[in-house]
């Protein structure tokens, strides 16, 4: 249920689930209009996870192909 924010603090919805995959986990988020599949790779994609604030910052945009 953590909120996900992308490039320029663009809201990408809330985490609905984490999908296990052979390469890395994938965050499935829903912003009400679209479902996003975001690779959970710390560093290049996942910049920060703030559990206290309920927020994940990612290097991702809503128009990236899922």
N, C-alpha and C. Protein backbone atom coordinates (compact mmCIF):
# COMPACT_ATOMS: atom_id res chain seq x y z
N UNK A 1 0.78 -1.21 0.00
CA UNK A 1 0.00 0.00 0.00
C UNK A 1 0.82 1.27 0.00
N UNK A 2 2.16 1.17 -0.11
CA UNK A 2 2.98 2.37 -0.13
C UNK A 2 2.71 3.19 -1.39
N UNK A 3 2.76 4.49 -1.25
CA UNK A 3 2.61 5.39 -2.39
C UNK A 3 3.92 5.41 -3.17
N UNK A 4 3.83 5.43 -4.50
CA UNK A 4 5.01 5.47 -5.35
C UNK A 4 5.02 6.78 -6.12
N UNK A 5 6.15 7.46 -6.07
CA UNK A 5 6.34 8.72 -6.82
C UNK A 5 7.50 8.55 -7.77
N UNK A 6 7.31 9.02 -8.99
CA UNK A 6 8.33 8.88 -10.02
C UNK A 6 9.07 10.17 -10.30
N UNK A 7 9.51 10.31 -11.53
CA UNK A 7 10.26 11.50 -11.96
C UNK A 7 9.45 12.76 -11.68
N UNK A 8 10.11 13.79 -11.19
CA UNK A 8 9.46 15.06 -10.85
C UNK A 8 8.30 14.87 -9.87
N UNK A 9 8.42 13.88 -8.99
CA UNK A 9 7.43 13.58 -7.94
C UNK A 9 6.07 13.20 -8.53
N UNK A 10 6.06 12.72 -9.77
CA UNK A 10 4.82 12.30 -10.43
C UNK A 10 4.22 11.10 -9.71
N UNK A 11 2.96 11.16 -9.31
CA UNK A 11 2.35 10.02 -8.62
C UNK A 11 2.15 8.84 -9.57
N UNK A 12 2.59 7.67 -9.12
CA UNK A 12 2.44 6.44 -9.90
C UNK A 12 1.52 5.46 -9.21
N UNK A 13 0.79 5.92 -8.22
CA UNK A 13 -0.18 5.08 -7.53
C UNK A 13 0.37 4.44 -6.27
N UNK A 14 -0.35 3.44 -5.82
CA UNK A 14 0.03 2.69 -4.62
C UNK A 14 0.38 1.27 -5.01
N UNK A 15 1.28 0.68 -4.25
CA UNK A 15 1.69 -0.69 -4.50
C UNK A 15 0.52 -1.62 -4.20
N UNK A 16 0.09 -2.38 -5.21
CA UNK A 16 -0.98 -3.37 -5.03
C UNK A 16 -0.39 -4.71 -4.62
N UNK A 17 0.76 -5.02 -5.21
CA UNK A 17 1.44 -6.26 -4.86
C UNK A 17 2.87 -6.22 -5.38
N UNK A 18 3.67 -7.16 -4.89
CA UNK A 18 5.03 -7.34 -5.36
C UNK A 18 5.08 -8.68 -6.06
N UNK A 19 5.49 -8.67 -7.30
CA UNK A 19 5.56 -9.88 -8.12
C UNK A 19 6.98 -10.42 -8.07
N UNK A 20 7.12 -11.69 -7.71
CA UNK A 20 8.43 -12.32 -7.74
C UNK A 20 8.76 -12.70 -9.18
N UNK A 21 9.97 -12.36 -9.60
CA UNK A 21 10.43 -12.78 -10.91
C UNK A 21 11.87 -13.25 -10.77
N UNK A 22 12.38 -14.02 -11.73
CA UNK A 22 13.74 -14.55 -11.61
C UNK A 22 14.82 -13.47 -11.49
N UNK A 23 14.64 -12.36 -12.17
CA UNK A 23 15.67 -11.32 -12.16
C UNK A 23 15.60 -10.42 -10.93
N UNK A 24 14.38 -10.01 -10.56
CA UNK A 24 14.18 -9.07 -9.45
C UNK A 24 12.69 -8.95 -9.18
N UNK A 25 12.30 -8.50 -7.99
CA UNK A 25 10.88 -8.26 -7.73
C UNK A 25 10.35 -7.12 -8.61
N UNK A 26 9.06 -7.13 -8.85
CA UNK A 26 8.41 -6.08 -9.65
C UNK A 26 7.27 -5.51 -8.83
N UNK A 27 7.24 -4.18 -8.72
CA UNK A 27 6.15 -3.50 -8.03
C UNK A 27 4.99 -3.32 -9.00
N UNK A 28 3.81 -3.73 -8.60
CA UNK A 28 2.62 -3.46 -9.39
C UNK A 28 1.88 -2.33 -8.69
N UNK A 29 1.77 -1.20 -9.36
CA UNK A 29 1.09 -0.04 -8.78
C UNK A 29 -0.15 0.29 -9.60
N UNK A 30 -1.07 1.01 -8.98
CA UNK A 30 -2.30 1.42 -9.64
C UNK A 30 -2.55 2.88 -9.30
N UNK A 31 -2.62 3.73 -10.33
CA UNK A 31 -2.87 5.15 -10.10
C UNK A 31 -4.32 5.54 -10.37
N UNK A 32 -5.19 4.55 -10.53
CA UNK A 32 -6.60 4.81 -10.81
C UNK A 32 -6.92 4.82 -12.28
N UNK A 33 -5.94 5.14 -13.11
CA UNK A 33 -6.15 5.16 -14.55
C UNK A 33 -5.35 4.06 -15.24
N UNK A 34 -4.29 3.62 -14.57
CA UNK A 34 -3.38 2.69 -15.22
C UNK A 34 -2.63 1.87 -14.18
N UNK A 35 -2.28 0.66 -14.56
CA UNK A 35 -1.44 -0.19 -13.73
C UNK A 35 -0.01 -0.06 -14.25
N UNK A 36 0.94 0.11 -13.34
CA UNK A 36 2.35 0.22 -13.70
C UNK A 36 3.10 -0.97 -13.14
N UNK A 37 4.04 -1.51 -13.91
CA UNK A 37 4.93 -2.57 -13.46
C UNK A 37 6.33 -1.98 -13.41
N UNK A 38 6.86 -1.84 -12.20
CA UNK A 38 8.13 -1.15 -11.99
C UNK A 38 9.13 -2.12 -11.38
N UNK A 39 10.26 -2.37 -12.05
CA UNK A 39 11.28 -3.26 -11.49
C UNK A 39 11.81 -2.71 -10.16
N UNK A 40 11.85 -3.56 -9.15
CA UNK A 40 12.38 -3.14 -7.85
C UNK A 40 13.87 -3.41 -7.84
N UNK A 41 14.62 -2.46 -8.41
CA UNK A 41 16.07 -2.53 -8.47
C UNK A 41 16.60 -1.28 -7.79
N UNK A 42 17.20 -1.49 -6.60
CA UNK A 42 17.72 -0.34 -5.85
C UNK A 42 18.87 0.30 -6.61
N UNK A 43 18.90 1.62 -6.60
CA UNK A 43 19.95 2.37 -7.27
C UNK A 43 19.45 2.99 -8.56
N UNK A 44 19.48 2.22 -9.66
CA UNK A 44 19.09 2.85 -10.92
C UNK A 44 17.59 3.14 -11.03
N UNK A 45 16.75 2.35 -10.35
CA UNK A 45 15.30 2.57 -10.47
C UNK A 45 14.70 3.00 -9.13
N UNK A 46 14.86 2.20 -8.11
CA UNK A 46 14.31 2.53 -6.79
C UNK A 46 15.34 3.38 -6.05
N UNK A 47 15.02 4.65 -5.90
CA UNK A 47 15.95 5.60 -5.29
C UNK A 47 15.86 5.61 -3.76
N UNK A 48 14.64 5.47 -3.23
CA UNK A 48 14.46 5.57 -1.79
C UNK A 48 13.15 4.91 -1.38
N UNK A 49 13.21 4.18 -0.26
CA UNK A 49 12.02 3.60 0.35
C UNK A 49 11.92 4.20 1.75
N UNK A 50 10.88 4.98 2.00
CA UNK A 50 10.67 5.63 3.30
C UNK A 50 9.41 5.03 3.93
N UNK A 51 9.63 3.99 4.75
CA UNK A 51 8.50 3.30 5.37
C UNK A 51 7.73 4.22 6.31
N UNK A 52 8.43 5.08 7.04
CA UNK A 52 7.77 5.99 7.97
C UNK A 52 6.81 6.94 7.25
N UNK A 53 7.20 7.39 6.07
CA UNK A 53 6.35 8.30 5.28
C UNK A 53 5.40 7.54 4.37
N UNK A 54 5.61 6.22 4.23
CA UNK A 54 4.76 5.42 3.35
C UNK A 54 4.98 5.72 1.89
N UNK A 55 6.26 5.97 1.52
CA UNK A 55 6.55 6.47 0.18
C UNK A 55 7.77 5.78 -0.43
N UNK A 56 7.68 5.47 -1.71
CA UNK A 56 8.80 4.94 -2.48
C UNK A 56 9.07 5.92 -3.62
N UNK A 57 10.31 6.38 -3.75
CA UNK A 57 10.72 7.25 -4.86
C UNK A 57 11.43 6.40 -5.90
N UNK A 58 10.99 6.52 -7.15
CA UNK A 58 11.59 5.75 -8.23
C UNK A 58 11.99 6.64 -9.40
N UNK A 59 12.98 6.18 -10.14
CA UNK A 59 13.40 6.84 -11.36
C UNK A 59 12.58 6.22 -12.49
N UNK A 60 11.33 6.66 -12.61
CA UNK A 60 10.37 6.05 -13.53
C UNK A 60 9.33 7.11 -13.88
N UNK A 61 8.74 6.99 -15.04
CA UNK A 61 7.68 7.93 -15.45
C UNK A 61 6.44 7.15 -15.84
N UNK A 62 5.30 7.79 -15.74
CA UNK A 62 4.01 7.14 -16.02
C UNK A 62 3.91 6.66 -17.46
N UNK A 63 4.64 7.29 -18.37
CA UNK A 63 4.51 6.91 -19.78
C UNK A 63 5.55 5.88 -20.23
N UNK A 64 6.36 5.36 -19.29
CA UNK A 64 7.28 4.27 -19.65
C UNK A 64 6.47 3.03 -19.97
N UNK A 65 6.94 2.26 -20.93
CA UNK A 65 6.24 1.02 -21.28
C UNK A 65 6.31 0.04 -20.12
N UNK A 66 5.22 -0.61 -19.85
CA UNK A 66 5.17 -1.60 -18.77
C UNK A 66 5.32 -2.99 -19.35
